[in-house]
Amino acid sequence: MSMAKGRKASDWTVRNLGGEGTVKCAEYRGRFRVRRDGVIKIIWQDGGPLPGEDRPVNTAAQEAIGAAIRPRA
């Protein structure tokens, strides 16, 4: 996987099913759930991002999920 893939929110596809759903980008795939306090929890499939890539990939995925579940007015 290219190191640049998954580092921007626009790289991600989010399927929101009302407080939970899926998120994917290239070979990264996961399920997410939004807790009552608004925190987004991602459970990665197939191991998820490698160490060193995990922080920027997680951040971008969470930004994409946030945009999908909290659309602009």
C-alpha atoms as a PDB file:
ATOM      1  CA  MET A   1       0.000   0.000   0.000  1.00  0.00           C
ATOM      2  CA  SER A   2       1.211   3.484  -0.771  1.00  0.00           C
ATOM      3  CA  MET A   3       2.163   5.376   2.337  1.00  0.00           C
ATOM      4  CA  ALA A   4      -0.001   8.290   1.142  1.00  0.00           C
ATOM      5  CA  LYS A   5      -3.202   6.208   0.917  1.00  0.00           C
ATOM      6  CA  GLY A   6      -5.593   6.592   3.797  1.00  0.00           C
ATOM      7  CA  ARG A   7      -3.998   9.722   5.230  1.00  0.00           C
ATOM      8  CA  LYS A   8      -6.739  12.101   4.042  1.00  0.00           C
ATOM      9  CA  ALA A   9     -10.409  11.956   4.963  1.00  0.00           C
ATOM     10  CA  SER A  10     -11.276  12.145   1.261  1.00  0.00           C
ATOM     11  CA  ASP A  11      -9.487   8.793   0.704  1.00  0.00           C
ATOM     12  CA  TRP A  12     -12.128   6.974   2.761  1.00  0.00           C
ATOM     13  CA  THR A  13     -15.540   5.511   1.928  1.00  0.00           C
ATOM     14  CA  VAL A  14     -17.940   5.534   4.870  1.00  0.00           C
ATOM     15  CA  ARG A  15     -21.196   3.614   5.102  1.00  0.00           C
ATOM     16  CA  ASN A  16     -23.212   5.036   7.986  1.00  0.00           C
ATOM     17  CA  LEU A  17     -25.994   2.876   9.360  1.00  0.00           C
ATOM     18  CA  GLY A  18     -27.146   5.228  12.101  1.00  0.00           C
ATOM     19  CA  GLY A  19     -24.418   5.386  14.732  1.00  0.00           C
ATOM     20  CA  GLU A  20     -22.419   2.497  13.342  1.00  0.00           C
ATOM     21  CA  GLY A  21     -21.215   1.299   9.975  1.00  0.00           C
ATOM     22  CA  THR A  22     -18.162   0.544   7.881  1.00  0.00           C
ATOM     23  CA  VAL A  23     -15.149   2.475   6.680  1.00  0.00           C
ATOM     24  CA  LYS A  24     -12.681   1.470   3.967  1.00  0.00           C
ATOM     25  CA  CYS A  25      -9.791   2.747   1.908  1.00  0.00           C
ATOM     26  CA  ALA A  26      -7.722   0.515  -0.376  1.00  0.00           C
ATOM     27  CA  GLU A  27      -6.761  -2.485   1.804  1.00  0.00           C
ATOM     28  CA  TYR A  28      -7.816  -0.914   5.123  1.00  0.00           C
ATOM     29  CA  ARG A  29     -11.285  -1.951   6.288  1.00  0.00           C
ATOM     30  CA  GLY A  30     -13.077  -1.533   9.568  1.00  0.00           C
ATOM     31  CA  ARG A  31     -16.340  -1.275  11.418  1.00  0.00           C
ATOM     32  CA  PHE A  32     -17.157   1.724  13.552  1.00  0.00           C
ATOM     33  CA  ARG A  33     -19.542   2.612  16.326  1.00  0.00           C
ATOM     34  CA  VAL A  34     -20.270   6.027  17.788  1.00  0.00           C
ATOM     35  CA  ARG A  35     -20.528   5.925  21.570  1.00  0.00           C
ATOM     36  CA  ARG A  36     -23.114   7.983  23.477  1.00  0.00           C
ATOM     37  CA  ASP A  37     -20.416  10.513  24.380  1.00  0.00           C
ATOM     38  CA  GLY A  38     -19.679  11.028  20.650  1.00  0.00           C
ATOM     39  CA  VAL A  39     -16.381   9.128  20.585  1.00  0.00           C
ATOM     40  CA  ILE A  40     -15.863   7.105  17.404  1.00  0.00           C
ATOM     41  CA  LYS A  41     -14.459   3.603  17.935  1.00  0.00           C
ATOM     42  CA  ILE A  42     -13.005   1.788  14.903  1.00  0.00           C
ATOM     43  CA  ILE A  43     -12.466  -1.962  14.953  1.00  0.00           C
ATOM     44  CA  TRP A  44     -10.054  -2.761  12.137  1.00  0.00           C
ATOM     45  CA  GLN A  45     -10.446  -5.879  10.005  1.00  0.00           C
ATOM     46  CA  ASP A  46      -7.358  -7.774   8.816  1.00  0.00           C
ATOM     47  CA  GLY A  47      -5.079  -6.181  11.416  1.00  0.00           C
ATOM     48  CA  GLY A  48      -5.537  -2.543  10.436  1.00  0.00           C
ATOM     49  CA  PRO A  49      -2.785   0.014   9.825  1.00  0.00           C
ATOM     50  CA  LEU A  50       0.801  -0.868  10.617  1.00  0.00           C
ATOM     51  CA  PRO A  51       2.673   0.843  13.457  1.00  0.00           C
ATOM     52  CA  GLY A  52       3.979   4.169  12.228  1.00  0.00           C
ATOM     53  CA  GLU A  53       0.995   4.590   9.898  1.00  0.00           C
ATOM     54  CA  ASP A  54      -1.668   3.979  12.518  1.00  0.00           C
ATOM     55  CA  ARG A  55      -2.019   7.528  13.861  1.00  0.00           C
ATOM     56  CA  PRO A  56      -2.457   9.387  10.519  1.00  0.00           C
ATOM     57  CA  VAL A  57      -4.665   6.616   9.119  1.00  0.00           C
ATOM     58  CA  ASN A  58      -6.863   6.519  12.237  1.00  0.00           C
ATOM     59  CA  THR A  59      -7.151  10.307  12.252  1.00  0.00           C
ATOM     60  CA  ALA A  60      -8.169  10.460   8.582  1.00  0.00           C
ATOM     61  CA  ALA A  61     -10.686   7.619   8.995  1.00  0.00           C
ATOM     62  CA  GLN A  62     -12.227   9.283  12.051  1.00  0.00           C
ATOM     63  CA  GLU A  63     -12.475  12.621  10.219  1.00  0.00           C
ATOM     64  CA  ALA A  64     -14.263  10.882   7.307  1.00  0.00           C
ATOM     65  CA  ILE A  65     -16.659   9.128   9.706  1.00  0.00           C
ATOM     66  CA  GLY A  66     -17.288  12.399  11.566  1.00  0.00           C
ATOM     67  CA  ALA A  67     -18.164  14.148   8.292  1.00  0.00           C
ATOM     68  CA  ALA A  68     -20.545  11.331   7.342  1.00  0.00           C
ATOM     69  CA  ILE A  69     -22.378  11.180  10.657  1.00  0.00           C
ATOM     70  CA  ARG A  70     -22.428  14.933  11.324  1.00  0.00           C
ATOM     71  CA  PRO A  71     -23.178  16.544   7.955  1.00  0.00           C
ATOM     72  CA  ARG A  72     -22.744  20.270   7.589  1.00  0.00           C
ATOM     73  CA  ALA A  73     -25.851  22.412   7.989  1.00  0.00           C
END
